[in-house]
Structure formats: structure tokens, C-alpha cells
Amino acid sequence: MNLKPAALALSILLPGLTATSLLADEDLAKQSQNPVGNLISVPIEFWHYEAKGADASANALVAKPVYPVTIGKVNLINRLIIPYVSLDASFTADLPNIGPVSAAVDKSGIGDIQYQGFLSPAHPGKVIWGVGPVFQFPTNSNTQLGSNKLSAGVAAVVLSMPGKWVLGVLAQNIWSVAGDSQADDVNDFLFQYFINYNLSNGWYLTTSPTLTANWEKSSSERWTVPWGGGVGRLVKFGKQPVDFKLQAYTYSEGSIDKSAMFSVEVLFPK
């Protein structure tokens, strides 16, 4: 893999940052890559999607604040997923953590907000795990930007962090339980595997594609399957650690042709 374009992109986005001027903490980088790590963080992701077979695209700005709470021998990892979505006319797709979106004309607004609550051992072993409820609320500001249903389900994550690696999988399924009786039922599955290899000076290679299945659709339209990855770097502005990430994906299944994501994650170690 040729890292020069990605490294150049991050260098342009982060002018003046060098390995000598900013010290990266590799242990903190690995902790930030753990979905159930005992770490307060505020990730902001910007996604751009291109549709297959149509001159249409979508953008999503997604905030994913995480606040862990220790309760005896377990941590409760509280995560909100708050999307702001902008769709071109004729864009139709199932977007991860957002769900089915479709626009007859250009539309922008808040999508459905999701809460995940993972219960995880406060002192995990080599294999780290978490499990807990998921709730999705019909906060969409337009009917085309969300489900119009209150949904609930369960999520689970398993990972390990040997050496410089962070390896794991996350899965969840949600079902509609209340809401607009005229709206389509929700039965959405999400599966994400993540592979990170940490290099020196806070740099790391990453792939974390999110596969989705809408069980309410026919088998030929059900799955969205991306392939790709990217590069990231954890740096410190004084004592404040910030994680930057750049990824790109193509899709072998689904109505999305390709996507790109840039994220900024502010970390607050305890």
C-alpha cells in the first residue's frame, strides 16, 4: 500500500505538525481504537457517498460522543450517534448508523439519533468484550432522512490488542417497536470488523468497513458491503490528544459506489 497520498493529505490538513514537535502516545492510540475503552472522547466524522448508476451523492456529518462510567467491576460505555445528513435528489441508500435514506429533491437535516450502551469488564483480559442495548429515536427533521420509528436492539463487540495490533468485530441489530404506523418497519443489521496496525510517531493503518443488511428488503437489495481502509495519526496539541483519520471505500453490494471519510476525535484520558 502506498501511504504517500494519505500522508500528504494529512500533512496538508495538519500544517506544521511534525514527529519532533508533537509527541504521540502509542498506548493511547490503541486505547482510542477500542470501542469499549475507558476513555472519554468526542469523534466527529465527515462522510461523502457517491451513488451507483446515478449522478447523486450524499454527505453526512456524524458526532459520536463517548462517556464511560465505572459501576463496580464493569464499565458502562455510553455512546450517542448524532447524524446531520445532506442528500442530492434521487440519492437512495442504506447508510451505516443512519439507516435507509431517500430523496426526491435535495434534502438536509438531522437524522435519527442512536444510543449504544456497552457493559464491559473494568479490568479486561487479553480478550476484551462488551454487550448492551441500542435505541434509535425518530429525531429526523424530514421523513426522508430517517425511519419515523422508535427502534431498539442489542449490540456486542469483541476485540484483542496484541502488540501493535487492534483486532475486533462489532455487531448489532435493531427492530422498530413504536412510531408512525404508515412508515416501513425497521429490522436493520450492522456488522463492522476493524483492523488497526500502529506504527511509530502516532501513525497507524486502519480498515473498519461497516456492512449492513436491511432485512425488510428483498435479498437482491438487502446488503451494503464496503471494502477499503486508510491511515490515521494521533497527535498532541500541548497535553490535548487528538486522533485524525482518513479512509476510502468501494462497494461490492448495495446502491453506494464509493465513499470517503475524514474524522477528528478529541480524547480526554482519565
C-alpha atoms as a PDB file:
ATOM      1  CA  MET A   1       0.000   0.000   0.000  1.00  0.00           C
ATOM      2  CA  ASN A   2       1.345   3.410  -0.963  1.00  0.00           C
ATOM      3  CA  LEU A   3       0.874   5.687   2.043  1.00  0.00           C
ATOM      4  CA  LYS A   4       2.306   8.838   0.468  1.00  0.00           C
ATOM      5  CA  PRO A   5      -1.023  10.300  -0.809  1.00  0.00           C
ATOM      6  CA  ALA A   6      -2.768   9.747   2.525  1.00  0.00           C
ATOM      7  CA  ALA A   7       0.192  11.052   4.488  1.00  0.00           C
ATOM      8  CA  LEU A   8       0.356  14.087   2.212  1.00  0.00           C
ATOM      9  CA  ALA A   9      -3.376  14.728   2.721  1.00  0.00           C
ATOM     10  CA  LEU A  10      -2.982  14.654   6.497  1.00  0.00           C
ATOM     11  CA  SER A  11       0.117  16.872   6.274  1.00  0.00           C
ATOM     12  CA  ILE A  12      -1.885  19.456   4.338  1.00  0.00           C
ATOM     13  CA  LEU A  13      -4.733  19.246   6.841  1.00  0.00           C
ATOM     14  CA  LEU A  14      -2.328  19.457   9.775  1.00  0.00           C
ATOM     15  CA  PRO A  15       0.224  22.104   8.807  1.00  0.00           C
ATOM     16  CA  GLY A  16       3.276  22.416  10.984  1.00  0.00           C
ATOM     17  CA  LEU A  17       2.823  19.119  12.815  1.00  0.00           C
ATOM     18  CA  THR A  18       5.970  17.017  12.966  1.00  0.00           C
ATOM     19  CA  ALA A  19       7.085  13.998  14.916  1.00  0.00           C
ATOM     20  CA  THR A  20       9.574  16.153  16.780  1.00  0.00           C
ATOM     21  CA  SER A  21       7.137  18.972  17.657  1.00  0.00           C
ATOM     22  CA  LEU A  22       4.215  16.754  18.730  1.00  0.00           C
ATOM     23  CA  LEU A  23       4.618  13.598  20.772  1.00  0.00           C
ATOM     24  CA  ALA A  24       2.198  10.732  20.070  1.00  0.00           C
ATOM     25  CA  ASP A  25       1.296   8.181  22.716  1.00  0.00           C
ATOM     26  CA  GLU A  26       1.037   4.756  21.052  1.00  0.00           C
ATOM     27  CA  ASP A  27      -0.739   3.204  24.059  1.00  0.00           C
ATOM     28  CA  LEU A  28      -3.320   5.991  23.952  1.00  0.00           C
ATOM     29  CA  ALA A  29      -3.695   5.461  20.199  1.00  0.00           C
ATOM     30  CA  LYS A  30      -4.562   1.809  20.811  1.00  0.00           C
ATOM     31  CA  GLN A  31      -6.954   2.769  23.594  1.00  0.00           C
ATOM     32  CA  SER A  32      -8.735   5.218  21.281  1.00  0.00           C
ATOM     33  CA  GLN A  33      -9.215   2.370  18.769  1.00  0.00           C
ATOM     34  CA  ASN A  34     -11.019   0.260  21.401  1.00  0.00           C
ATOM     35  CA  PRO A  35     -14.813   0.808  21.110  1.00  0.00           C
ATOM     36  CA  VAL A  36     -15.256  -0.099  24.802  1.00  0.00           C
ATOM     37  CA  GLY A  37     -12.143   1.618  26.134  1.00  0.00           C
ATOM     38  CA  ASN A  38     -12.497   3.539  29.406  1.00  0.00           C
ATOM     39  CA  LEU A  39     -11.878   6.830  27.640  1.00  0.00           C
ATOM     40  CA  ILE A  40     -13.993   9.965  27.191  1.00  0.00           C
ATOM     41  CA  SER A  41     -13.895  11.036  23.547  1.00  0.00           C
ATOM     42  CA  VAL A  42     -15.697  13.212  21.014  1.00  0.00           C
ATOM     43  CA  PRO A  43     -15.289  11.852  17.455  1.00  0.00           C
ATOM     44  CA  ILE A  44     -16.629  13.922  14.552  1.00  0.00           C
ATOM     45  CA  GLU A  45     -16.819  12.107  11.197  1.00  0.00           C
ATOM     46  CA  PHE A  46     -17.440  13.635   7.769  1.00  0.00           C
ATOM     47  CA  TRP A  47     -18.651  11.107   5.161  1.00  0.00           C
ATOM     48  CA  HIS A  48     -19.115  11.609   1.421  1.00  0.00           C
ATOM     49  CA  TYR A  49     -21.051   8.976  -0.568  1.00  0.00           C
ATOM     50  CA  GLU A  50     -21.418   8.544  -4.339  1.00  0.00           C
ATOM     51  CA  ALA A  51     -24.397   6.583  -5.681  1.00  0.00           C
ATOM     52  CA  LYS A  52     -24.156   3.771  -8.235  1.00  0.00           C
ATOM     53  CA  GLY A  53     -25.741   4.406 -11.618  1.00  0.00           C
ATOM     54  CA  ALA A  54     -26.886   7.937 -10.789  1.00  0.00           C
ATOM     55  CA  ASP A  55     -25.351  11.395 -10.663  1.00  0.00           C
ATOM     56  CA  ALA A  56     -26.198  11.758  -6.974  1.00  0.00           C
ATOM     57  CA  SER A  57     -24.274  11.975  -3.732  1.00  0.00           C
ATOM     58  CA  ALA A  58     -24.794  12.388  -0.013  1.00  0.00           C
ATOM     59  CA  ASN A  59     -22.815  13.936   2.828  1.00  0.00           C
ATOM     60  CA  ALA A  60     -23.107  13.073   6.499  1.00  0.00           C
ATOM     61  CA  LEU A  61     -21.590  14.873   9.481  1.00  0.00           C
ATOM     62  CA  VAL A  62     -21.756  12.435  12.392  1.00  0.00           C
ATOM     63  CA  ALA A  63     -20.909  13.185  16.033  1.00  0.00           C
ATOM     64  CA  LYS A  64     -20.238  10.115  18.215  1.00  0.00           C
ATOM     65  CA  PRO A  65     -19.518  11.320  21.783  1.00  0.00           C
ATOM     66  CA  VAL A  66     -18.488   8.590  24.236  1.00  0.00           C
ATOM     67  CA  TYR A  67     -18.747   8.822  28.020  1.00  0.00           C
ATOM     68  CA  PRO A  68     -17.788   5.755  30.114  1.00  0.00           C
ATOM     69  CA  VAL A  69     -18.978   5.246  33.696  1.00  0.00           C
ATOM     70  CA  THR A  70     -17.465   2.690  36.078  1.00  0.00           C
ATOM     71  CA  ILE A  71     -20.021   0.704  38.084  1.00  0.00           C
ATOM     72  CA  GLY A  72     -18.253  -1.714  40.408  1.00  0.00           C
ATOM     73  CA  LYS A  73     -16.422  -4.259  38.277  1.00  0.00           C
ATOM     74  CA  VAL A  74     -17.891  -3.137  34.949  1.00  0.00           C
ATOM     75  CA  ASN A  75     -17.787  -0.082  32.731  1.00  0.00           C
ATOM     76  CA  LEU A  76     -20.887   1.282  31.052  1.00  0.00           C
ATOM     77  CA  ILE A  77     -19.729   2.809  27.770  1.00  0.00           C
ATOM     78  CA  ASN A  78     -22.335   5.368  26.716  1.00  0.00           C
ATOM     79  CA  ARG A  79     -22.221   6.400  23.064  1.00  0.00           C
ATOM     80  CA  LEU A  80     -24.505   8.707  21.095  1.00  0.00           C
ATOM     81  CA  ILE A  81     -24.562   8.765  17.277  1.00  0.00           C
ATOM     82  CA  ILE A  82     -25.917  12.095  16.019  1.00  0.00           C
ATOM     83  CA  PRO A  83     -26.056  12.469  12.205  1.00  0.00           C
ATOM     84  CA  TYR A  84     -26.655  15.525  10.047  1.00  0.00           C
ATOM     85  CA  VAL A  85     -27.371  14.351   6.504  1.00  0.00           C
ATOM     86  CA  SER A  86     -27.468  16.162   3.159  1.00  0.00           C
ATOM     87  CA  LEU A  87     -28.875  14.273   0.148  1.00  0.00           C
ATOM     88  CA  ASP A  88     -28.930  15.065  -3.560  1.00  0.00           C
ATOM     89  CA  ALA A  89     -32.174  14.414  -5.402  1.00  0.00           C
ATOM     90  CA  SER A  90     -32.527  10.716  -6.378  1.00  0.00           C
ATOM     91  CA  PHE A  91     -29.959   9.519  -3.827  1.00  0.00           C
ATOM     92  CA  THR A  92     -31.216   6.309  -2.170  1.00  0.00           C
ATOM     93  CA  ALA A  93     -29.122   4.084   0.102  1.00  0.00           C
ATOM     94  CA  ASP A  94     -28.775   2.376   3.475  1.00  0.00           C
ATOM     95  CA  LEU A  95     -26.184   4.400   5.398  1.00  0.00           C
ATOM     96  CA  PRO A  96     -24.407   2.831   8.409  1.00  0.00           C
ATOM     97  CA  ASN A  97     -25.741   4.047  11.788  1.00  0.00           C
ATOM     98  CA  ILE A  98     -28.255   6.180   9.885  1.00  0.00           C
ATOM     99  CA  GLY A  99     -30.439   3.708   8.013  1.00  0.00           C
ATOM    100  CA  PRO A 100     -32.404   3.981   4.766  1.00  0.00           C
ATOM    101  CA  VAL A 101     -32.445   7.473   3.237  1.00  0.00           C
ATOM    102  CA  SER A 102     -34.052   8.585   0.014  1.00  0.00           C
ATOM    103  CA  ALA A 103     -34.685  11.977  -1.560  1.00  0.00           C
ATOM    104  CA  ALA A 104     -36.911  13.012  -4.480  1.00  0.00           C
ATOM    105  CA  VAL A 105     -35.432  16.517  -4.171  1.00  0.00           C
ATOM    106  CA  ASP A 106     -32.368  17.855  -2.340  1.00  0.00           C
ATOM    107  CA  LYS A 107     -32.789  17.407   1.412  1.00  0.00           C
ATOM    108  CA  SER A 108     -30.721  18.266   4.501  1.00  0.00           C
ATOM    109  CA  GLY A 109     -31.309  17.868   8.204  1.00  0.00           C
ATOM    110  CA  ILE A 110     -30.900  15.805  11.355  1.00  0.00           C
ATOM    111  CA  GLY A 111     -31.276  12.042  11.044  1.00  0.00           C
ATOM    112  CA  ASP A 112     -32.292   9.509  13.686  1.00  0.00           C
ATOM    113  CA  ILE A 113     -30.174   9.711  16.849  1.00  0.00           C
ATOM    114  CA  GLN A 114     -28.875   6.419  18.212  1.00  0.00           C
ATOM    115  CA  TYR A 115     -27.731   5.432  21.718  1.00  0.00           C
ATOM    116  CA  GLN A 116     -25.447   2.464  22.424  1.00  0.00           C
ATOM    117  CA  GLY A 117     -24.698   1.312  25.955  1.00  0.00           C
ATOM    118  CA  PHE A 118     -21.945  -1.325  26.252  1.00  0.00           C
ATOM    119  CA  LEU A 119     -21.326  -3.142  29.536  1.00  0.00           C
ATOM    120  CA  SER A 120     -17.685  -4.253  29.642  1.00  0.00           C
ATOM    121  CA  PRO A 121     -15.326  -5.562  32.373  1.00  0.00           C
ATOM    122  CA  ALA A 122     -13.484  -2.708  34.104  1.00  0.00           C
ATOM    123  CA  HIS A 123     -10.323  -4.849  34.139  1.00  0.00           C
ATOM    124  CA  PRO A 124     -10.437  -6.947  30.948  1.00  0.00           C
ATOM    125  CA  GLY A 125      -8.053  -9.714  29.985  1.00  0.00           C
ATOM    126  CA  LYS A 126      -6.459 -10.335  26.616  1.00  0.00           C
ATOM    127  CA  VAL A 127      -9.893 -10.691  25.052  1.00  0.00           C
ATOM    128  CA  ILE A 128     -11.992  -7.561  25.578  1.00  0.00           C
ATOM    129  CA  TRP A 129     -15.751  -7.635  25.159  1.00  0.00           C
ATOM    130  CA  GLY A 130     -18.840  -5.529  25.629  1.00  0.00           C
ATOM    131  CA  VAL A 131     -22.573  -6.047  25.202  1.00  0.00           C
ATOM    132  CA  GLY A 132     -25.608  -3.850  25.713  1.00  0.00           C
ATOM    133  CA  PRO A 133     -28.740  -2.182  24.382  1.00  0.00           C
ATOM    134  CA  VAL A 134     -29.204   0.048  21.365  1.00  0.00           C
ATOM    135  CA  PHE A 135     -32.006   2.596  20.961  1.00  0.00           C
ATOM    136  CA  GLN A 136     -32.744   4.608  17.844  1.00  0.00           C
ATOM    137  CA  PHE A 137     -35.007   7.639  18.190  1.00  0.00           C
ATOM    138  CA  PRO A 138     -37.112   9.194  15.378  1.00  0.00           C
ATOM    139  CA  THR A 139     -35.445  12.599  15.610  1.00  0.00           C
ATOM    140  CA  ASN A 140     -35.248  13.013  11.828  1.00  0.00           C
ATOM    141  CA  SER A 141     -36.150  16.538  10.752  1.00  0.00           C
ATOM    142  CA  ASN A 142     -37.583  15.213   7.466  1.00  0.00           C
ATOM    143  CA  THR A 143     -39.366  11.941   6.663  1.00  0.00           C
ATOM    144  CA  GLN A 144     -36.746  11.139   4.011  1.00  0.00           C
ATOM    145  CA  LEU A 145     -33.852  11.370   6.475  1.00  0.00           C
ATOM    146  CA  GLY A 146     -34.928   8.698   8.973  1.00  0.00           C
ATOM    147  CA  SER A 147     -37.253   5.852   9.848  1.00  0.00           C
ATOM    148  CA  ASN A 148     -40.026   7.709  11.740  1.00  0.00           C
ATOM    149  CA  LYS A 149     -39.884   4.754  14.141  1.00  0.00           C
ATOM    150  CA  LEU A 150     -38.613   4.194  17.664  1.00  0.00           C
ATOM    151  CA  SER A 151     -36.325   1.174  17.434  1.00  0.00           C
ATOM    152  CA  ALA A 152     -34.413  -0.952  19.933  1.00  0.00           C
ATOM    153  CA  GLY A 153     -31.977  -3.833  19.824  1.00  0.00           C
ATOM    154  CA  VAL A 154     -28.725  -5.248  21.112  1.00  0.00           C
ATOM    155  CA  ALA A 155     -25.056  -4.728  20.240  1.00  0.00           C
ATOM    156  CA  ALA A 156     -21.898  -6.699  21.046  1.00  0.00           C
ATOM    157  CA  VAL A 157     -18.187  -6.157  20.476  1.00  0.00           C
ATOM    158  CA  VAL A 158     -15.161  -8.466  20.881  1.00  0.00           C
ATOM    159  CA  LEU A 159     -11.542  -7.438  20.353  1.00  0.00           C
ATOM    160  CA  SER A 160      -7.921  -8.065  21.243  1.00  0.00           C
ATOM    161  CA  MET A 161      -4.860  -5.794  21.194  1.00  0.00           C
ATOM    162  CA  PRO A 162      -1.733  -7.947  20.723  1.00  0.00           C
ATOM    163  CA  GLY A 163       1.469  -5.969  20.180  1.00  0.00           C
ATOM    164  CA  LYS A 164       0.884  -3.176  17.690  1.00  0.00           C
ATOM    165  CA  TRP A 165      -2.464  -4.614  16.548  1.00  0.00           C
ATOM    166  CA  VAL A 166      -6.064  -3.821  17.456  1.00  0.00           C
ATOM    167  CA  LEU A 167      -8.362  -6.528  16.028  1.00  0.00           C
ATOM    168  CA  GLY A 168     -12.076  -6.889  16.607  1.00  0.00           C
ATOM    169  CA  VAL A 169     -15.670  -7.113  15.441  1.00  0.00           C
ATOM    170  CA  LEU A 170     -18.842  -5.238  16.378  1.00  0.00           C
ATOM    171  CA  ALA A 171     -22.382  -6.350  15.543  1.00  0.00           C
ATOM    172  CA  GLN A 172     -25.873  -5.077  16.288  1.00  0.00           C
ATOM    173  CA  ASN A 173     -29.479  -5.485  15.180  1.00  0.00           C
ATOM    174  CA  ILE A 174     -32.381  -3.129  15.837  1.00  0.00           C
ATOM    175  CA  TRP A 175     -36.138  -3.580  15.380  1.00  0.00           C
ATOM    176  CA  SER A 176     -38.888  -0.955  15.336  1.00  0.00           C
ATOM    177  CA  VAL A 177     -41.080  -1.038  18.449  1.00  0.00           C
ATOM    178  CA  ALA A 178     -43.273   2.079  18.035  1.00  0.00           C
ATOM    179  CA  GLY A 179     -43.829   5.117  15.829  1.00  0.00           C
ATOM    180  CA  ASP A 180     -45.611   6.060  12.623  1.00  0.00           C
ATOM    181  CA  SER A 181     -47.804   3.132  11.587  1.00  0.00           C
ATOM    182  CA  GLN A 182     -47.526   4.241   7.943  1.00  0.00           C
ATOM    183  CA  ALA A 183     -43.712   4.084   7.992  1.00  0.00           C
ATOM    184  CA  ASP A 184     -41.770   0.970   6.998  1.00  0.00           C
ATOM    185  CA  ASP A 185     -40.794  -1.400   9.801  1.00  0.00           C
ATOM    186  CA  VAL A 186     -37.159  -1.345  10.921  1.00  0.00           C
ATOM    187  CA  ASN A 187     -35.122  -4.565  11.043  1.00  0.00           C
ATOM    188  CA  ASP A 188     -31.531  -3.461  10.453  1.00  0.00           C
ATOM    189  CA  PHE A 189     -28.324  -5.443  10.987  1.00  0.00           C
ATOM    190  CA  LEU A 190     -24.863  -3.883  11.251  1.00  0.00           C
ATOM    191  CA  PHE A 191     -21.520  -5.724  11.270  1.00  0.00           C
ATOM    192  CA  GLN A 192     -18.152  -3.976  11.479  1.00  0.00           C
ATOM    193  CA  TYR A 193     -14.720  -5.566  11.626  1.00  0.00           C
ATOM    194  CA  PHE A 194     -11.767  -3.355  12.478  1.00  0.00           C
ATOM    195  CA  ILE A 195      -8.063  -3.960  11.949  1.00  0.00           C
ATOM    196  CA  ASN A 196      -5.517  -1.376  13.067  1.00  0.00           C
ATOM    197  CA  TYR A 197      -1.740  -1.626  12.910  1.00  0.00           C
ATOM    198  CA  ASN A 198       0.086   1.031  14.915  1.00  0.00           C
ATOM    199  CA  LEU A 199       3.316   2.473  13.540  1.00  0.00           C
ATOM    200  CA  SER A 200       5.735   4.942  15.121  1.00  0.00           C
ATOM    201  CA  ASN A 201       5.043   8.610  15.968  1.00  0.00           C
ATOM    202  CA  GLY A 202       1.303   8.016  16.382  1.00  0.00           C
ATOM    203  CA  TRP A 203       0.680   6.847  12.797  1.00  0.00           C
ATOM    204  CA  TYR A 204      -1.466   3.787  12.143  1.00  0.00           C
ATOM    205  CA  LEU A 205      -3.006   1.838   9.272  1.00  0.00           C
ATOM    206  CA  THR A 206      -6.702   1.074   9.583  1.00  0.00           C
ATOM    207  CA  THR A 207      -9.630  -0.668   7.972  1.00  0.00           C
ATOM    208  CA  SER A 208     -13.069  -0.650   9.595  1.00  0.00           C
ATOM    209  CA  PRO A 209     -15.744  -1.283   6.936  1.00  0.00           C
ATOM    210  CA  THR A 210     -19.351  -1.356   8.138  1.00  0.00           C
ATOM    211  CA  LEU A 211     -21.561  -3.976   6.483  1.00  0.00           C
ATOM    212  CA  THR A 212     -25.323  -3.525   6.778  1.00  0.00           C
ATOM    213  CA  ALA A 213     -28.382  -5.633   5.985  1.00  0.00           C
ATOM    214  CA  ASN A 214     -31.942  -4.333   5.803  1.00  0.00           C
ATOM    215  CA  TRP A 215     -33.967  -7.498   6.471  1.00  0.00           C
ATOM    216  CA  GLU A 216     -37.150  -5.773   5.252  1.00  0.00           C
ATOM    217  CA  LYS A 217     -35.781  -5.627   1.688  1.00  0.00           C
ATOM    218  CA  SER A 218     -35.506  -8.392  -0.893  1.00  0.00           C
ATOM    219  CA  SER A 219     -32.309 -10.469  -0.890  1.00  0.00           C
ATOM    220  CA  SER A 220     -31.011  -8.684  -4.005  1.00  0.00           C
ATOM    221  CA  GLU A 221     -31.257  -5.249  -2.307  1.00  0.00           C
ATOM    222  CA  ARG A 222     -30.545  -6.203   1.295  1.00  0.00           C
ATOM    223  CA  TRP A 223     -26.784  -5.865   1.764  1.00  0.00           C
ATOM    224  CA  THR A 224     -24.342  -2.964   1.672  1.00  0.00           C
ATOM    225  CA  VAL A 225     -20.747  -4.263   1.593  1.00  0.00           C
ATOM    226  CA  PRO A 226     -17.723  -1.887   1.524  1.00  0.00           C
ATOM    227  CA  TRP A 227     -14.031  -2.657   1.029  1.00  0.00           C
ATOM    228  CA  GLY A 228     -11.133  -0.329   1.771  1.00  0.00           C
ATOM    229  CA  GLY A 229      -9.218   1.385   4.537  1.00  0.00           C
ATOM    230  CA  GLY A 230      -6.954   4.278   5.296  1.00  0.00           C
ATOM    231  CA  VAL A 231      -4.445   5.909   7.596  1.00  0.00           C
ATOM    232  CA  GLY A 232      -4.609   7.849  10.836  1.00  0.00           C
ATOM    233  CA  ARG A 233      -2.452   9.661  13.337  1.00  0.00           C
ATOM    234  CA  LEU A 234      -2.772  10.533  16.997  1.00  0.00           C
ATOM    235  CA  VAL A 235      -1.028  13.787  17.914  1.00  0.00           C
ATOM    236  CA  LYS A 236      -0.880  16.067  20.931  1.00  0.00           C
ATOM    237  CA  PHE A 237      -1.543  19.804  20.991  1.00  0.00           C
ATOM    238  CA  GLY A 238       0.248  20.548  24.233  1.00  0.00           C
ATOM    239  CA  LYS A 239      -1.327  17.931  26.516  1.00  0.00           C
ATOM    240  CA  GLN A 240      -4.503  17.513  24.443  1.00  0.00           C
ATOM    241  CA  PRO A 241      -4.513  14.310  22.332  1.00  0.00           C
ATOM    242  CA  VAL A 242      -6.415  14.391  19.032  1.00  0.00           C
ATOM    243  CA  ASP A 243      -6.850  11.477  16.628  1.00  0.00           C
ATOM    244  CA  PHE A 244      -7.119  12.207  12.867  1.00  0.00           C
ATOM    245  CA  LYS A 245      -8.238   9.575  10.350  1.00  0.00           C
ATOM    246  CA  LEU A 246      -8.708   9.403   6.575  1.00  0.00           C
ATOM    247  CA  GLN A 247     -10.383   6.412   4.856  1.00  0.00           C
ATOM    248  CA  ALA A 248     -11.878   5.477   1.466  1.00  0.00           C
ATOM    249  CA  TYR A 249     -14.138   2.589   0.416  1.00  0.00           C
ATOM    250  CA  THR A 250     -15.645   0.967  -2.658  1.00  0.00           C
ATOM    251  CA  TYR A 251     -18.781  -1.196  -2.505  1.00  0.00           C
ATOM    252  CA  SER A 252     -19.375  -4.670  -3.949  1.00  0.00           C
ATOM    253  CA  GLU A 253     -23.030  -4.754  -2.789  1.00  0.00           C
ATOM    254  CA  GLY A 254     -25.621  -2.028  -2.352  1.00  0.00           C
ATOM    255  CA  SER A 255     -26.534   1.223  -4.069  1.00  0.00           C
ATOM    256  CA  ILE A 256     -23.378   3.112  -2.985  1.00  0.00           C
ATOM    257  CA  ASP A 257     -20.466   3.207  -5.435  1.00  0.00           C
ATOM    258  CA  LYS A 258     -17.746   4.696  -3.212  1.00  0.00           C
ATOM    259  CA  SER A 259     -17.265   6.728  -0.057  1.00  0.00           C
ATOM    260  CA  ALA A 260     -14.610   8.721   1.768  1.00  0.00           C
ATOM    261  CA  MET A 261     -14.371   9.676   5.429  1.00  0.00           C
ATOM    262  CA  PHE A 262     -12.290  12.163   7.396  1.00  0.00           C
ATOM    263  CA  SER A 263     -12.591  12.197  11.188  1.00  0.00           C
ATOM    264  CA  VAL A 264     -11.306  14.236  14.107  1.00  0.00           C
ATOM    265  CA  GLU A 265     -11.520  12.666  17.572  1.00  0.00           C
ATOM    266  CA  VAL A 266     -10.725  14.691  20.687  1.00  0.00           C
ATOM    267  CA  LEU A 267      -9.644  12.430  23.587  1.00  0.00           C
ATOM    268  CA  PHE A 268      -9.925  13.032  27.318  1.00  0.00           C
ATOM    269  CA  PRO A 269      -7.899  10.353  29.135  1.00  0.00           C
ATOM    270  CA  LYS A 270      -8.951   9.726  32.727  1.00  0.00           C
END
